PDB file of N, CA and C in Angstrom:
ATOM      1  N   MET A   1      54.669  75.248 176.209  1.00  0.00           N
ATOM      2  CA  MET A   1      55.481  75.113 175.036  1.00  0.00           C
ATOM      3  C   MET A   1      56.646  76.092 175.138  1.00  0.00           C
ATOM      4  N   THR A   2      57.803  75.668 174.675  1.00  0.00           N
ATOM      5  CA  THR A   2      58.973  76.522 174.670  1.00  0.00           C
ATOM      6  C   THR A   2      58.875  77.520 173.535  1.00  0.00           C
ATOM      7  N   LYS A   3      59.168  78.772 173.820  1.00  0.00           N
ATOM      8  CA  LYS A   3      59.129  79.800 172.783  1.00  0.00           C
ATOM      9  C   LYS A   3      60.552  80.212 172.441  1.00  0.00           C
ATOM     10  N   ALA A   4      60.815  80.353 171.150  1.00  0.00           N
ATOM     11  CA  ALA A   4      62.127  80.798 170.701  1.00  0.00           C
ATOM     12  C   ALA A   4      62.245  82.298 170.948  1.00  0.00           C
ATOM     13  N   ILE A   5      63.344  82.687 171.545  1.00  0.00           N
ATOM     14  CA  ILE A   5      63.642  84.083 171.774  1.00  0.00           C
ATOM     15  C   ILE A   5      64.742  84.457 170.794  1.00  0.00           C
ATOM     16  N   LEU A   6      64.601  85.598 170.137  1.00  0.00           N
ATOM     17  CA  LEU A   6      65.514  85.980 169.079  1.00  0.00           C
ATOM     18  C   LEU A   6      66.974  85.870 169.512  1.00  0.00           C
ATOM     19  N   SER A   7      67.290  86.252 170.728  1.00  0.00           N
ATOM     20  CA  SER A   7      68.670  86.183 171.198  1.00  0.00           C
ATOM     21  C   SER A   7      69.129  84.751 171.449  1.00  0.00           C
ATOM     22  N   ASP A   8      68.198  83.789 171.530  1.00  0.00           N
ATOM     23  CA  ASP A   8      68.536  82.390 171.777  1.00  0.00           C
ATOM     24  C   ASP A   8      68.696  81.573 170.495  1.00  0.00           C
ATOM     25  N   ILE A   9      68.426  82.179 169.334  1.00  0.00           N
ATOM     26  CA  ILE A   9      68.527  81.453 168.082  1.00  0.00           C
ATOM     27  C   ILE A   9      70.002  81.210 167.774  1.00  0.00           C
ATOM     28  N   PRO A  10      70.370  79.952 167.491  1.00  0.00           N
ATOM     29  CA  PRO A  10      71.777  79.663 167.219  1.00  0.00           C
ATOM     30  C   PRO A  10      72.240  80.318 165.914  1.00  0.00           C
ATOM     31  N   THR A  11      73.475  80.757 165.901  1.00  0.00           N
ATOM     32  CA  THR A  11      74.068  81.341 164.704  1.00  0.00           C
ATOM     33  C   THR A  11      75.437  80.699 164.481  1.00  0.00           C
ATOM     34  N   GLN A  12      75.910  80.762 163.260  1.00  0.00           N
ATOM     35  CA  GLN A  12      77.224  80.235 162.880  1.00  0.00           C
ATOM     36  C   GLN A  12      77.368  78.740 163.192  1.00  0.00           C
ATOM     37  N   ASN A  13      76.274  77.992 163.047  1.00  0.00           N
ATOM     38  CA  ASN A  13      76.316  76.544 163.235  1.00  0.00           C
ATOM     39  C   ASN A  13      77.136  75.943 162.099  1.00  0.00           C
ATOM     40  N   PRO A  14      78.099  75.054 162.390  1.00  0.00           N
ATOM     41  CA  PRO A  14      78.878  74.464 161.302  1.00  0.00           C
ATOM     42  C   PRO A  14      78.051  73.460 160.504  1.00  0.00           C
ATOM     43  N   CYS A  15      78.288  73.437 159.200  1.00  0.00           N
ATOM     44  CA  CYS A  15      77.610  72.478 158.325  1.00  0.00           C
ATOM     45  C   CYS A  15      77.972  71.065 158.762  1.00  0.00           C
ATOM     46  N   ALA A  16      76.989  70.174 158.787  1.00  0.00           N
ATOM     47  CA  ALA A  16      77.212  68.789 159.204  1.00  0.00           C
ATOM     48  C   ALA A  16      78.035  68.020 158.178  1.00  0.00           C
ATOM     49  N   GLN A  17      78.178  68.544 156.961  1.00  0.00           N
ATOM     50  CA  GLN A  17      78.931  67.838 155.925  1.00  0.00           C
ATOM     51  C   GLN A  17      80.314  68.451 155.686  1.00  0.00           C
ATOM     52  N   CYS A  18      80.382  69.774 155.481  1.00  0.00           N
ATOM     53  CA  CYS A  18      81.669  70.384 155.116  1.00  0.00           C
ATOM     54  C   CYS A  18      82.270  71.261 156.214  1.00  0.00           C
ATOM     55  N   GLY A  19      81.492  71.587 157.264  1.00  0.00           N
ATOM     56  CA  GLY A  19      82.002  72.368 158.381  1.00  0.00           C
ATOM     57  C   GLY A  19      81.944  73.879 158.213  1.00  0.00           C
ATOM     58  N   THR A  20      81.470  74.376 157.069  1.00  0.00           N
ATOM     59  CA  THR A  20      81.350  75.815 156.854  1.00  0.00           C
ATOM     60  C   THR A  20      80.302  76.397 157.803  1.00  0.00           C
ATOM     61  N   PRO A  21      80.612  77.500 158.494  1.00  0.00           N
ATOM     62  CA  PRO A  21      79.612  78.112 159.386  1.00  0.00           C
ATOM     63  C   PRO A  21      78.396  78.618 158.601  1.00  0.00           C
ATOM     64  N   ILE A  22      77.215  78.357 159.137  1.00  0.00           N
ATOM     65  CA  ILE A  22      75.966  78.807 158.530  1.00  0.00           C
ATOM     66  C   ILE A  22      75.428  79.930 159.420  1.00  0.00           C
ATOM     67  N   PRO A  23      75.181  81.124 158.839  1.00  0.00           N
ATOM     68  CA  PRO A  23      74.818  82.289 159.653  1.00  0.00           C
ATOM     69  C   PRO A  23      73.582  82.106 160.533  1.00  0.00           C
ATOM     70  N   ARG A  24      72.522  81.488 159.995  1.00  0.00           N
ATOM     71  CA  ARG A  24      71.282  81.324 160.779  1.00  0.00           C
ATOM     72  C   ARG A  24      70.452  80.209 160.154  1.00  0.00           C
ATOM     73  N   PRO A  25      69.560  79.614 160.927  1.00  0.00           N
ATOM     74  CA  PRO A  25      68.713  78.552 160.376  1.00  0.00           C
ATOM     75  C   PRO A  25      67.678  79.096 159.395  1.00  0.00           C
ATOM     76  N   ASP A  26      67.275  78.250 158.446  1.00  0.00           N
ATOM     77  CA  ASP A  26      66.234  78.617 157.483  1.00  0.00           C
ATOM     78  C   ASP A  26      64.846  78.548 158.105  1.00  0.00           C
ATOM     79  N   TRP A  27      64.667  77.638 159.053  1.00  0.00           N
ATOM     80  CA  TRP A  27      63.351  77.388 159.622  1.00  0.00           C
ATOM     81  C   TRP A  27      63.520  77.004 161.086  1.00  0.00           C
ATOM     82  N   ILE A  28      62.627  77.480 161.930  1.00  0.00           N
ATOM     83  CA  ILE A  28      62.616  77.121 163.348  1.00  0.00           C
ATOM     84  C   ILE A  28      61.214  76.666 163.692  1.00  0.00           C
ATOM     85  N   GLU A  29      61.123  75.511 164.326  1.00  0.00           N
ATOM     86  CA  GLU A  29      59.816  74.983 164.720  1.00  0.00           C
ATOM     87  C   GLU A  29      59.871  74.531 166.170  1.00  0.00           C
ATOM     88  N   ALA A  30      59.068  75.159 167.002  1.00  0.00           N
ATOM     89  CA  ALA A  30      59.016  74.798 168.422  1.00  0.00           C
ATOM     90  C   ALA A  30      57.957  73.731 168.633  1.00  0.00           C
ATOM     91  N   GLY A  31      58.268  72.773 169.487  1.00  0.00           N
ATOM     92  CA  GLY A  31      57.330  71.725 169.845  1.00  0.00           C
ATOM     93  C   GLY A  31      57.330  71.564 171.349  1.00  0.00           C
ATOM     94  N   GLU A  32      56.682  70.552 171.823  1.00  0.00           N
ATOM     95  CA  GLU A  32      56.594  70.321 173.265  1.00  0.00           C
ATOM     96  C   GLU A  32      57.927  69.785 173.780  1.00  0.00           C
ATOM     97  N   GLY A  33      58.663  70.617 174.496  1.00  0.00           N
ATOM     98  CA  GLY A  33      59.939  70.222 175.064  1.00  0.00           C
ATOM     99  C   GLY A  33      61.098  70.199 174.080  1.00  0.00           C
ATOM    100  N   ARG A  34      60.926  70.778 172.898  1.00  0.00           N
ATOM    101  CA  ARG A  34      61.996  70.754 171.900  1.00  0.00           C
ATOM    102  C   ARG A  34      61.853  71.924 170.931  1.00  0.00           C
ATOM    103  N   VAL A  35      62.944  72.235 170.252  1.00  0.00           N
ATOM    104  CA  VAL A  35      62.943  73.200 169.153  1.00  0.00           C
ATOM    105  C   VAL A  35      63.760  72.582 168.030  1.00  0.00           C
ATOM    106  N   SER A  36      63.208  72.569 166.807  1.00  0.00           N
ATOM    107  CA  SER A  36      63.903  72.028 165.639  1.00  0.00           C
ATOM    108  C   SER A  36      64.376  73.176 164.761  1.00  0.00           C
ATOM    109  N   TYR A  37      65.574  73.002 164.205  1.00  0.00           N
ATOM    110  CA  TYR A  37      66.165  74.006 163.327  1.00  0.00           C
ATOM    111  C   TYR A  37      66.521  73.341 162.002  1.00  0.00           C
ATOM    112  N   LEU A  38      66.147  73.964 160.886  1.00  0.00           N
ATOM    113  CA  LEU A  38      66.510  73.481 159.560  1.00  0.00           C
ATOM    114  C   LEU A  38      67.622  74.381 159.037  1.00  0.00           C
ATOM    115  N   TRP A  39      68.745  73.759 158.663  1.00  0.00           N
ATOM    116  CA  TRP A  39      69.921  74.488 158.198  1.00  0.00           C
ATOM    117  C   TRP A  39      70.204  74.131 156.744  1.00  0.00           C
ATOM    118  N   THR A  40      70.664  75.106 155.949  1.00  0.00           N
ATOM    119  CA  THR A  40      71.108  74.876 154.579  1.00  0.00           C
ATOM    120  C   THR A  40      72.482  75.508 154.411  1.00  0.00           C
ATOM    121  N   CYS A  41      73.435  74.706 153.974  1.00  0.00           N
ATOM    122  CA  CYS A  41      74.784  75.199 153.722  1.00  0.00           C
ATOM    123  C   CYS A  41      74.850  75.686 152.278  1.00  0.00           C
ATOM    124  N   HIS A  42      75.192  76.951 152.103  1.00  0.00           N
ATOM    125  CA  HIS A  42      75.276  77.500 150.755  1.00  0.00           C
ATOM    126  C   HIS A  42      76.607  77.169 150.083  1.00  0.00           C
ATOM    127  N   ALA A  43      77.576  76.642 150.848  1.00  0.00           N
ATOM    128  CA  ALA A  43      78.862  76.244 150.277  1.00  0.00           C
ATOM    129  C   ALA A  43      78.762  74.896 149.563  1.00  0.00           C
ATOM    130  N   CYS A  44      78.056  73.921 150.182  1.00  0.00           N
ATOM    131  CA  CYS A  44      77.969  72.581 149.588  1.00  0.00           C
ATOM    132  C   CYS A  44      76.532  72.147 149.295  1.00  0.00           C
ATOM    133  N   ASN A  45      75.554  73.011 149.607  1.00  0.00           N
ATOM    134  CA  ASN A  45      74.127  72.759 149.348  1.00  0.00           C
ATOM    135  C   ASN A  45      73.553  71.602 150.172  1.00  0.00           C
ATOM    136  N   TYR A  46      74.160  71.310 151.310  1.00  0.00           N
ATOM    137  CA  TYR A  46      73.682  70.252 152.196  1.00  0.00           C
ATOM    138  C   TYR A  46      72.627  70.828 153.129  1.00  0.00           C
ATOM    139  N   ARG A  47      71.542  70.075 153.348  1.00  0.00           N
ATOM    140  CA  ARG A  47      70.479  70.496 154.266  1.00  0.00           C
ATOM    141  C   ARG A  47      70.384  69.485 155.397  1.00  0.00           C
ATOM    142  N   PHE A  48      70.198  69.976 156.619  1.00  0.00           N
ATOM    143  CA  PHE A  48      70.071  69.078 157.767  1.00  0.00           C
ATOM    144  C   PHE A  48      69.249  69.739 158.852  1.00  0.00           C
ATOM    145  N   GLU A  49      68.767  68.920 159.768  1.00  0.00           N
ATOM    146  CA  GLU A  49      67.958  69.397 160.884  1.00  0.00           C
ATOM    147  C   GLU A  49      68.710  69.149 162.180  1.00  0.00           C
ATOM    148  N   ALA A  50      68.644  70.100 163.079  1.00  0.00           N
ATOM    149  CA  ALA A  50      69.187  69.955 164.421  1.00  0.00           C
ATOM    150  C   ALA A  50      68.036  70.164 165.397  1.00  0.00           C
ATOM    151  N   VAL A  51      68.009  69.376 166.468  1.00  0.00           N
ATOM    152  CA  VAL A  51      66.920  69.450 167.437  1.00  0.00           C
ATOM    153  C   VAL A  51      67.502  69.715 168.823  1.00  0.00           C
ATOM    154  N   ALA A  52      66.960  70.722 169.506  1.00  0.00           N
ATOM    155  CA  ALA A  52      67.312  71.009 170.893  1.00  0.00           C
ATOM    156  C   ALA A  52      66.195  70.461 171.764  1.00  0.00           C
ATOM    157  N   ILE A  53      66.566  69.610 172.726  1.00  0.00           N
ATOM    158  CA  ILE A  53      65.592  69.002 173.634  1.00  0.00           C
ATOM    159  C   ILE A  53      65.847  69.548 175.029  1.00  0.00           C
ATOM    160  N   PHE A  54      64.778  69.986 175.683  1.00  0.00           N
ATOM    161  CA  PHE A  54      64.883  70.595 176.992  1.00  0.00           C
ATOM    162  C   PHE A  54      64.517  69.600 178.084  1.00  0.00           C
ATOM    163  N   ASP A  55      65.439  69.404 179.038  1.00  0.00           N
ATOM    164  CA  ASP A  55      65.221  68.478 180.145  1.00  0.00           C
ATOM    165  C   ASP A  55      64.170  68.976 181.125  1.00  0.00           C
ATOM    166  N   GLU A  56      64.032  70.273 181.255  1.00  0.00           N
ATOM    167  CA  GLU A  56      63.137  70.838 182.263  1.00  0.00           C
ATOM    168  C   GLU A  56      61.673  70.526 182.011  1.00  0.00           C
ATOM    169  N   VAL A  57      61.342  70.109 180.831  1.00  0.00           N
ATOM    170  CA  VAL A  57      59.952  69.779 180.507  1.00  0.00           C
ATOM    171  C   VAL A  57      59.825  68.263 180.481  1.00  0.00           C
ATOM    172  N   ALA A  58      59.135  67.727 181.431  1.00  0.00           N
ATOM    173  CA  ALA A  58      58.925  66.281 181.472  1.00  0.00           C
ATOM    174  C   ALA A  58      57.724  65.948 180.603  1.00  0.00           C
ATOM    175  N   VAL A  59      57.971  65.268 179.506  1.00  0.00           N
ATOM    176  CA  VAL A  59      56.909  64.922 178.567  1.00  0.00           C
ATOM    177  C   VAL A  59      56.701  63.417 178.630  1.00  0.00           C
ATOM    178  N   LYS A  60      55.483  63.007 178.874  1.00  0.00           N
ATOM    179  CA  LYS A  60      55.163  61.585 178.922  1.00  0.00           C
ATOM    180  C   LYS A  60      54.346  61.238 177.699  1.00  0.00           C
ATOM    181  N   HIS A  61      54.850  60.280 176.957  1.00  0.00           N
ATOM    182  CA  HIS A  61      54.165  59.841 175.742  1.00  0.00           C
ATOM    183  C   HIS A  61      53.613  58.440 175.944  1.00  0.00           C
ATOM    184  N   PRO A  62      52.448  58.168 175.400  1.00  0.00           N
ATOM    185  CA  PRO A  62      51.938  56.805 175.469  1.00  0.00           C
ATOM    186  C   PRO A  62      52.784  55.896 174.590  1.00  0.00           C
ATOM    187  N   PRO A  63      52.841  54.611 174.865  1.00  0.00           N
ATOM    188  CA  PRO A  63      53.622  53.706 174.034  1.00  0.00           C
ATOM    189  C   PRO A  63      53.123  53.717 172.593  1.00  0.00           C
ATOM    190  N   LEU A  64      54.073  53.585 171.651  1.00  0.00           N
ATOM    191  CA  LEU A  64      53.699  53.577 170.240  1.00  0.00           C
ATOM    192  C   LEU A  64      53.105  52.244 169.829  1.00  0.00           C
ATOM    193  N   ALA A  65      53.516  51.178 170.476  1.00  0.00           N
ATOM    194  CA  ALA A  65      53.002  49.848 170.135  1.00  0.00           C
ATOM    195  C   ALA A  65      52.806  49.054 171.422  1.00  0.00           C
ATOM    196  N   ALA A  66      51.913  48.091 171.343  1.00  0.00           N
ATOM    197  CA  ALA A  66      51.645  47.261 172.519  1.00  0.00           C
ATOM    198  C   ALA A  66      52.597  46.117 172.608  1.00  0.00           C
TER     199      ALA A  66
END
């Protein structure tokens, strides 16, 4: 599993709606081959999620449907 390192946490991400820089994510969740970030813009109150997917981890999932 990928571990978030404090120096690797994104900062000043622009809001997906108004473009205002957001100092840091509200929530970080690491998963298998990915890290999800929850952002809240205090200028327009918009909330969104950004996901970083890592190519170096080959994850094979079974089909969802037959």
